[in-house]
N, C-alpha and C. Protein backbone atom coordinates (compact mmCIF):
# COMPACT_ATOMS: atom_id res chain seq x y z
N MET A 1 0.83 -1.20 0.29
CA MET A 1 0.19 0.05 -0.36
C MET A 1 1.05 1.17 -0.23
N LEU A 2 2.20 1.37 1.22
CA LEU A 2 2.85 2.38 1.00
C LEU A 2 3.76 2.13 -0.32
N MET A 3 4.27 1.31 -1.07
CA MET A 3 4.39 1.47 -2.46
C MET A 3 3.81 2.06 -3.17
N GLU A 4 2.35 1.94 -3.42
CA GLU A 4 1.56 2.40 -4.77
C GLU A 4 1.34 3.63 -4.05
N SER A 5 1.20 4.03 -3.41
CA SER A 5 1.13 5.51 -2.85
C SER A 5 2.41 6.48 -3.33
N ILE A 6 3.35 6.05 -3.12
CA ILE A 6 4.67 6.84 -3.54
C ILE A 6 4.61 6.33 -4.54
N LEU A 7 4.61 5.66 -5.45
CA LEU A 7 4.43 5.46 -7.09
C LEU A 7 3.42 6.60 -7.94
N ALA A 8 2.01 6.50 -7.18
CA ALA A 8 1.34 7.35 -7.48
C ALA A 8 1.56 8.64 -7.05
N LEU A 9 2.42 9.12 -6.21
CA LEU A 9 2.59 10.60 -6.01
C LEU A 9 3.65 11.13 -6.64
N SER A 10 4.91 10.06 -7.50
CA SER A 10 5.62 10.69 -7.89
C SER A 10 5.44 10.97 -9.31
N LEU A 11 3.97 9.82 -10.25
CA LEU A 11 3.83 10.08 -10.98
C LEU A 11 2.93 11.15 -11.42
N PHE A 12 2.21 11.52 -10.32
CA PHE A 12 1.42 13.33 -10.21
C PHE A 12 2.98 14.17 -10.33
N ALA A 13 3.47 13.84 -9.62
CA ALA A 13 4.94 15.43 -9.71
C ALA A 13 5.32 15.21 -11.09
N ILE A 14 5.48 13.98 -11.83
CA ILE A 14 6.30 13.74 -13.01
C ILE A 14 4.97 15.00 -13.98
N VAL A 15 4.04 14.59 -13.95
CA VAL A 15 2.99 14.94 -14.97
C VAL A 15 2.77 16.60 -14.59
N GLY A 16 2.62 16.48 -13.26
CA GLY A 16 2.63 18.20 -12.80
C GLY A 16 3.99 19.17 -13.08
N VAL A 17 5.01 18.38 -13.24
CA VAL A 17 6.52 19.20 -13.77
C VAL A 17 6.44 19.08 -15.45
N ALA A 18 6.02 18.48 -16.21
CA ALA A 18 5.58 18.39 -17.37
C ALA A 18 4.60 19.41 -17.98
N LEU A 19 3.51 19.60 -16.97
CA LEU A 19 2.44 20.51 -17.60
C LEU A 19 3.25 21.96 -16.98
N ILE A 20 3.38 21.85 -16.43
CA ILE A 20 4.34 23.63 -15.63
C ILE A 20 5.26 23.42 -16.73
N THR A 21 6.04 22.95 -17.52
CA THR A 21 7.34 23.09 -18.32
C THR A 21 6.14 23.68 -19.60
N ALA A 22 5.26 22.82 -20.04
CA ALA A 22 4.61 23.05 -21.28
C ALA A 22 4.09 24.67 -20.92
N LEU A 23 3.31 24.79 -20.32
CA LEU A 23 2.33 26.23 -19.64
C LEU A 23 3.54 27.43 -19.91
N THR A 24 5.02 27.37 -19.41
CA THR A 24 5.90 28.01 -19.11
C THR A 24 6.23 28.05 -20.80
N GLN A 25 6.42 27.15 -21.60
CA GLN A 25 6.76 27.54 -22.91
C GLN A 25 6.04 28.15 -24.22
N ILE A 26 4.53 27.76 -23.64
CA ILE A 26 3.30 28.50 -24.07
C ILE A 26 3.43 30.22 -23.96
N GLY A 27 3.25 30.12 -22.98
CA GLY A 27 3.46 31.45 -22.20
C GLY A 27 4.80 32.24 -23.37
N ARG A 28 5.86 31.68 -23.03
CA ARG A 28 7.10 32.59 -23.76
C ARG A 28 6.63 32.77 -24.83
N LEU A 29 6.32 31.72 -26.15
CA LEU A 29 6.09 31.58 -27.65
C LEU A 29 4.90 32.79 -27.95
N ALA A 30 3.83 32.90 -27.03
CA ALA A 30 3.09 33.88 -27.16
C ALA A 30 3.23 35.03 -26.73
N HIS A 31 4.11 35.14 -25.82
CA HIS A 31 5.07 36.60 -25.67
C HIS A 31 5.60 36.89 -26.56
N ASP A 32 6.80 36.15 -27.58
CA ASP A 32 7.53 36.42 -28.59
C ASP A 32 6.82 36.66 -29.75
N ALA A 33 5.54 35.81 -30.02
CA ALA A 33 4.68 35.92 -30.97
C ALA A 33 4.22 37.74 -30.64
N ARG A 34 3.65 38.15 -29.64
CA ARG A 34 3.07 39.53 -29.58
C ARG A 34 4.29 40.51 -29.79
N ARG A 35 5.65 40.49 -29.43
CA ARG A 35 6.28 41.09 -29.52
C ARG A 35 6.93 41.30 -31.15
N GLU A 36 6.86 40.18 -31.67
CA GLU A 36 7.25 40.05 -33.28
C GLU A 36 6.14 41.03 -34.12
N GLY A 37 5.07 40.80 -33.58
CA GLY A 37 3.08 41.43 -34.29
C GLY A 37 3.82 43.12 -34.15
N ARG A 38 4.31 43.03 -32.44
CA ARG A 38 4.51 44.72 -32.51
C ARG A 38 5.71 45.07 -33.21
N LEU A 39 6.54 44.90 -33.40
CA LEU A 39 7.83 45.27 -34.29
C LEU A 39 7.38 45.15 -35.96
N ALA A 40 6.64 44.17 -36.07
CA ALA A 40 6.32 44.22 -37.15
C ALA A 40 5.29 45.43 -37.86
N ARG A 41 4.58 45.87 -36.82
CA ARG A 41 3.65 47.10 -37.20
C ARG A 41 4.84 48.31 -37.35
N ILE A 42 5.48 48.27 -35.94
CA ILE A 42 6.31 49.37 -36.01
C ILE A 42 7.11 49.57 -37.74
N LEU A 43 7.91 48.43 -37.85
CA LEU A 43 8.97 48.44 -39.14
C LEU A 43 7.69 48.90 -40.08
N ASP A 44 6.75 48.66 -40.72
CA ASP A 44 5.71 48.83 -41.64
C ASP A 44 5.35 50.25 -41.65
N SER A 45 5.34 50.86 -40.42
CA SER A 45 4.61 52.63 -39.98
C SER A 45 5.92 53.25 -40.46
N GLU A 46 7.36 52.42 -40.02
CA GLU A 46 8.61 53.52 -40.83
C GLU A 46 8.58 53.21 -41.84
N LEU A 47 8.31 52.09 -42.47
CA LEU A 47 8.30 51.90 -43.99
C LEU A 47 7.58 53.15 -44.81
N ARG A 48 6.46 53.26 -44.47
CA ARG A 48 5.04 54.18 -44.79
C ARG A 48 5.74 55.35 -44.55
N ALA A 49 5.88 55.68 -43.57
CA ALA A 49 6.89 56.92 -43.34
C ALA A 49 8.56 57.45 -44.30
N ALA A 50 8.87 56.21 -44.60
CA ALA A 50 9.56 56.91 -45.31
C ALA A 50 9.28 56.88 -47.01
N MET A 51 8.16 56.27 -47.32
CA MET A 51 7.94 56.17 -48.41
C MET A 51 7.37 57.57 -49.12
N SER A 52 6.84 58.00 -47.88
CA SER A 52 5.74 59.21 -47.81
C SER A 52 6.71 60.51 -48.29
N VAL A 53 7.56 60.53 -47.99
CA VAL A 53 8.69 61.86 -47.71
C VAL A 53 8.57 62.21 -49.18
N PRO A 54 8.35 63.57 -49.62
CA PRO A 54 8.02 63.90 -50.82
C PRO A 54 9.57 63.92 -51.45
N VAL A 55 10.84 64.81 -50.96
CA VAL A 55 12.04 64.37 -52.07
C VAL A 55 12.76 63.12 -51.26
N LEU A 56 12.75 62.08 -51.94
CA LEU A 56 13.86 60.85 -51.40
C LEU A 56 15.13 61.65 -51.74
N GLU A 57 15.83 61.56 -50.62
CA GLU A 57 17.77 61.16 -50.99
C GLU A 57 17.88 60.08 -50.11
N GLU A 58 19.20 59.67 -50.62
CA GLU A 58 19.81 58.46 -50.40
C GLU A 58 20.92 58.70 -49.36
N GLY A 59 20.48 57.52 -48.53
CA GLY A 59 21.33 57.64 -46.73
C GLY A 59 20.55 56.60 -46.29
N GLU A 60 21.30 56.56 -45.35
CA GLU A 60 20.98 56.12 -43.75
C GLU A 60 20.32 56.93 -42.52
N THR A 61 19.29 56.29 -41.80
CA THR A 61 18.73 57.01 -40.83
C THR A 61 18.58 56.06 -39.95
N VAL A 62 19.33 56.16 -38.38
CA VAL A 62 18.97 55.31 -37.40
C VAL A 62 18.59 55.71 -36.31
N LYS A 63 17.49 55.02 -35.64
CA LYS A 63 16.76 55.58 -34.35
C LYS A 63 17.03 54.48 -33.37
N SER A 64 16.39 54.93 -32.02
CA SER A 64 16.74 53.73 -30.99
C SER A 64 15.29 53.82 -30.34
N LEU A 65 15.34 52.21 -30.33
CA LEU A 65 13.60 52.28 -29.80
C LEU A 65 13.69 51.87 -28.51
N ASP A 66 13.42 52.62 -27.26
CA ASP A 66 13.98 52.07 -26.03
C ASP A 66 12.95 50.82 -25.46
N GLU A 67 11.93 50.72 -25.87
CA GLU A 67 10.56 50.02 -25.64
C GLU A 67 11.39 48.33 -25.65
N PHE A 68 11.57 48.33 -27.09
CA PHE A 68 12.12 46.70 -27.38
C PHE A 68 13.93 46.53 -27.21
N LYS A 69 14.41 48.19 -26.76
CA LYS A 69 15.88 47.67 -26.61
C LYS A 69 16.73 47.34 -28.12
N ALA A 70 15.89 48.15 -29.20
CA ALA A 70 16.21 47.81 -30.27
C ALA A 70 16.42 49.00 -31.17
N ASP A 71 17.21 48.80 -32.24
CA ASP A 71 17.47 50.27 -33.33
C ASP A 71 17.06 49.85 -34.50
N ILE A 72 16.61 51.16 -35.30
CA ILE A 72 15.64 50.98 -35.99
C ILE A 72 16.26 51.97 -37.56
N LYS A 73 16.75 50.92 -38.44
CA LYS A 73 17.83 51.60 -39.39
C LYS A 73 16.73 52.03 -40.70
N THR A 74 16.52 52.60 -41.33
CA THR A 74 16.37 53.21 -42.67
C THR A 74 16.92 53.89 -43.66
N ILE A 75 17.26 53.08 -44.58
CA ILE A 75 18.29 52.78 -45.75
C ILE A 75 17.26 53.33 -47.16
N VAL A 76 17.46 54.24 -47.44
CA VAL A 76 17.09 54.68 -48.92
C VAL A 76 18.27 54.31 -49.90
N GLU A 77 18.37 53.58 -51.12
CA GLU A 77 19.53 53.89 -51.91
C GLU A 77 18.73 53.72 -53.43
N PRO A 78 19.30 54.14 -54.56
CA PRO A 78 18.71 54.53 -56.04
C PRO A 78 18.86 52.80 -56.03
N LEU A 79 17.94 52.37 -57.17
CA LEU A 79 17.90 51.38 -58.21
C LEU A 79 18.56 51.98 -59.55
N GLU A 80 19.84 51.23 -59.62
CA GLU A 80 20.22 51.32 -61.13
C GLU A 80 19.51 49.93 -62.07
N GLU A 81 19.52 50.91 -63.30
CA GLU A 81 19.42 49.98 -64.41
C GLU A 81 18.22 49.03 -64.03
N VAL A 82 17.10 49.65 -63.48
CA VAL A 82 15.40 48.61 -63.72
C VAL A 82 14.80 49.00 -64.72
N GLU A 83 14.56 48.00 -65.32
CA GLU A 83 14.01 48.13 -66.60
C GLU A 83 12.27 47.63 -66.27
N ASN A 84 11.26 48.43 -67.39
CA ASN A 84 10.27 47.86 -67.18
C ASN A 84 9.50 46.71 -68.06
N GLN A 85 8.37 46.15 -68.18
CA GLN A 85 7.93 44.85 -69.06
C GLN A 85 8.75 45.58 -70.88
N ASP A 86 8.81 46.95 -71.18
CA ASP A 86 8.83 46.83 -72.46
C ASP A 86 10.30 47.14 -72.68
N GLY A 87 11.10 47.14 -71.57
CA GLY A 87 12.52 46.90 -71.67
C GLY A 87 13.39 48.93 -71.39
N GLN A 88 12.48 49.50 -70.82
CA GLN A 88 12.98 50.75 -70.89
C GLN A 88 13.35 50.91 -69.52
N LEU A 89 14.08 51.74 -69.25
CA LEU A 89 14.86 52.21 -67.94
C LEU A 89 14.16 53.05 -67.37
N LEU A 90 13.85 52.38 -65.90
CA LEU A 90 13.04 53.30 -65.46
C LEU A 90 13.67 54.25 -64.19
N GLN A 91 13.99 55.39 -64.55
CA GLN A 91 14.84 56.45 -63.53
C GLN A 91 14.37 56.97 -62.46
N GLN A 92 14.64 57.53 -61.57
CA GLN A 92 14.66 57.71 -60.49
C GLN A 92 13.54 56.95 -59.36
N MET A 93 13.88 55.58 -59.67
CA MET A 93 13.58 54.74 -58.55
C MET A 93 14.34 54.33 -57.68
N PHE A 94 13.83 54.31 -56.18
CA PHE A 94 14.97 54.13 -55.04
C PHE A 94 13.94 52.48 -54.50
N ARG A 95 15.13 52.03 -53.84
CA ARG A 95 15.14 50.96 -53.20
C ARG A 95 14.74 51.70 -51.21
N ILE A 96 13.92 51.17 -50.52
CA ILE A 96 13.69 51.99 -49.10
C ILE A 96 13.64 50.57 -48.57
N GLU A 97 14.72 50.48 -47.59
CA GLU A 97 14.42 49.02 -46.35
C GLU A 97 14.80 49.49 -45.10
N VAL A 98 13.81 49.18 -44.32
CA VAL A 98 13.77 49.70 -42.53
C VAL A 98 13.59 48.10 -41.90
N GLN A 99 15.32 48.31 -40.99
CA GLN A 99 15.92 47.09 -40.39
C GLN A 99 15.46 47.18 -38.60
N ALA A 100 15.50 46.41 -38.30
CA ALA A 100 15.19 46.64 -36.66
C ALA A 100 16.22 45.56 -36.39
N SER A 101 17.23 45.49 -35.28
CA SER A 101 18.22 44.72 -34.95
C SER A 101 17.77 44.75 -33.70
N TRP A 102 17.79 43.41 -32.04
CA TRP A 102 18.40 43.82 -30.83
C TRP A 102 18.85 42.48 -30.65
N TYR A 103 19.26 42.89 -29.42
CA TYR A 103 19.76 41.26 -28.61
C TYR A 103 19.26 40.90 -27.57
N GLU A 104 18.69 39.91 -27.94
CA GLU A 104 17.77 38.57 -27.09
C GLU A 104 18.39 37.39 -26.95
N ASN A 105 17.91 37.02 -25.72
CA ASN A 105 18.34 35.54 -25.41
C ASN A 105 19.86 35.08 -26.14
N ASN A 106 20.90 35.84 -25.73
CA ASN A 106 22.17 35.48 -26.15
C ASN A 106 22.45 35.75 -27.58
N GLU A 107 22.02 35.95 -28.24
CA GLU A 107 21.94 36.51 -29.59
C GLU A 107 21.65 37.27 -30.57
N TRP A 108 21.72 38.29 -31.81
CA TRP A 108 21.42 39.06 -32.37
C TRP A 108 20.36 38.65 -32.57
N ASN A 109 19.36 39.44 -33.28
CA ASN A 109 17.91 39.38 -34.05
C ASN A 109 17.57 40.63 -34.87
N GLU A 110 17.18 40.20 -36.38
CA GLU A 110 17.00 40.94 -37.06
C GLU A 110 15.84 40.72 -38.03
N MET A 111 14.80 41.93 -37.76
CA MET A 111 13.91 41.91 -38.86
C MET A 111 14.03 43.12 -40.08
N PHE A 112 13.10 42.84 -41.11
CA PHE A 112 13.16 44.03 -42.09
C PHE A 112 12.18 43.71 -42.74
N VAL A 113 12.06 44.86 -43.60
CA VAL A 113 10.63 45.02 -44.81
C VAL A 113 10.96 46.32 -45.77
N GLU A 114 10.98 46.21 -47.11
CA GLU A 114 11.63 47.21 -48.05
C GLU A 114 10.55 46.87 -49.18
N THR A 115 10.79 47.89 -49.52
CA THR A 115 9.43 48.32 -51.38
C THR A 115 10.83 48.94 -52.01
N TRP A 116 10.17 49.19 -53.17
CA TRP A 116 10.70 50.07 -54.29
C TRP A 116 9.91 51.01 -54.33
N ARG A 117 10.15 52.59 -54.86
CA ARG A 117 9.60 53.63 -54.96
C ARG A 117 10.02 54.63 -55.80
N TYR A 118 8.88 54.65 -56.75
CA TYR A 118 9.47 55.78 -57.78
C TYR A 118 9.36 57.18 -57.21
N ALA A 119 10.50 57.88 -57.45
CA ALA A 119 10.90 59.14 -56.70
C ALA A 119 9.79 60.20 -56.85
N ARG A 120 8.95 60.66 -57.96
CA ARG A 120 8.17 61.65 -57.86
C ARG A 120 6.96 61.13 -57.50
N LEU A 121 6.83 60.29 -57.16
CA LEU A 121 5.38 59.40 -56.61
C LEU A 121 4.67 60.81 -55.68
N TYR A 122 5.25 60.96 -54.43
CA TYR A 122 4.73 62.19 -53.80
C TYR A 122 4.59 63.36 -54.16
N GLN A 123 5.26 63.87 -55.15
CA GLN A 123 5.53 65.33 -55.45
C GLN A 123 4.50 65.65 -56.37
N GLN A 124 4.51 67.00 -56.17
CA GLN A 124 3.18 68.15 -56.85
C GLN A 124 3.35 68.55 -57.95
């Protein structure tokens, strides 16, 4: 009888530890997914802001997000020799990239978004 109760108690302890470990992992994954979603929205917002500048200029800008302990870098560079479907060269085309980089869990992480823009798109 004593042996059966010790065996049952140890079985419940093993199952309890496994359940707590699984719940901890689920919580950590949910937190990471929420954080990545927020960073993705911030990157999209920064990309839209960089796209809507009336006069695009080549270069880089860096700003820091204290909330995420991340750096946001916006890169604007001209695209050379881009052709349309008729083979004509497209002039004043720019590539805009927004990168986020942060250090977490003993490794560097990075997310980025990019697009192309015709320079005169937002000019009047």
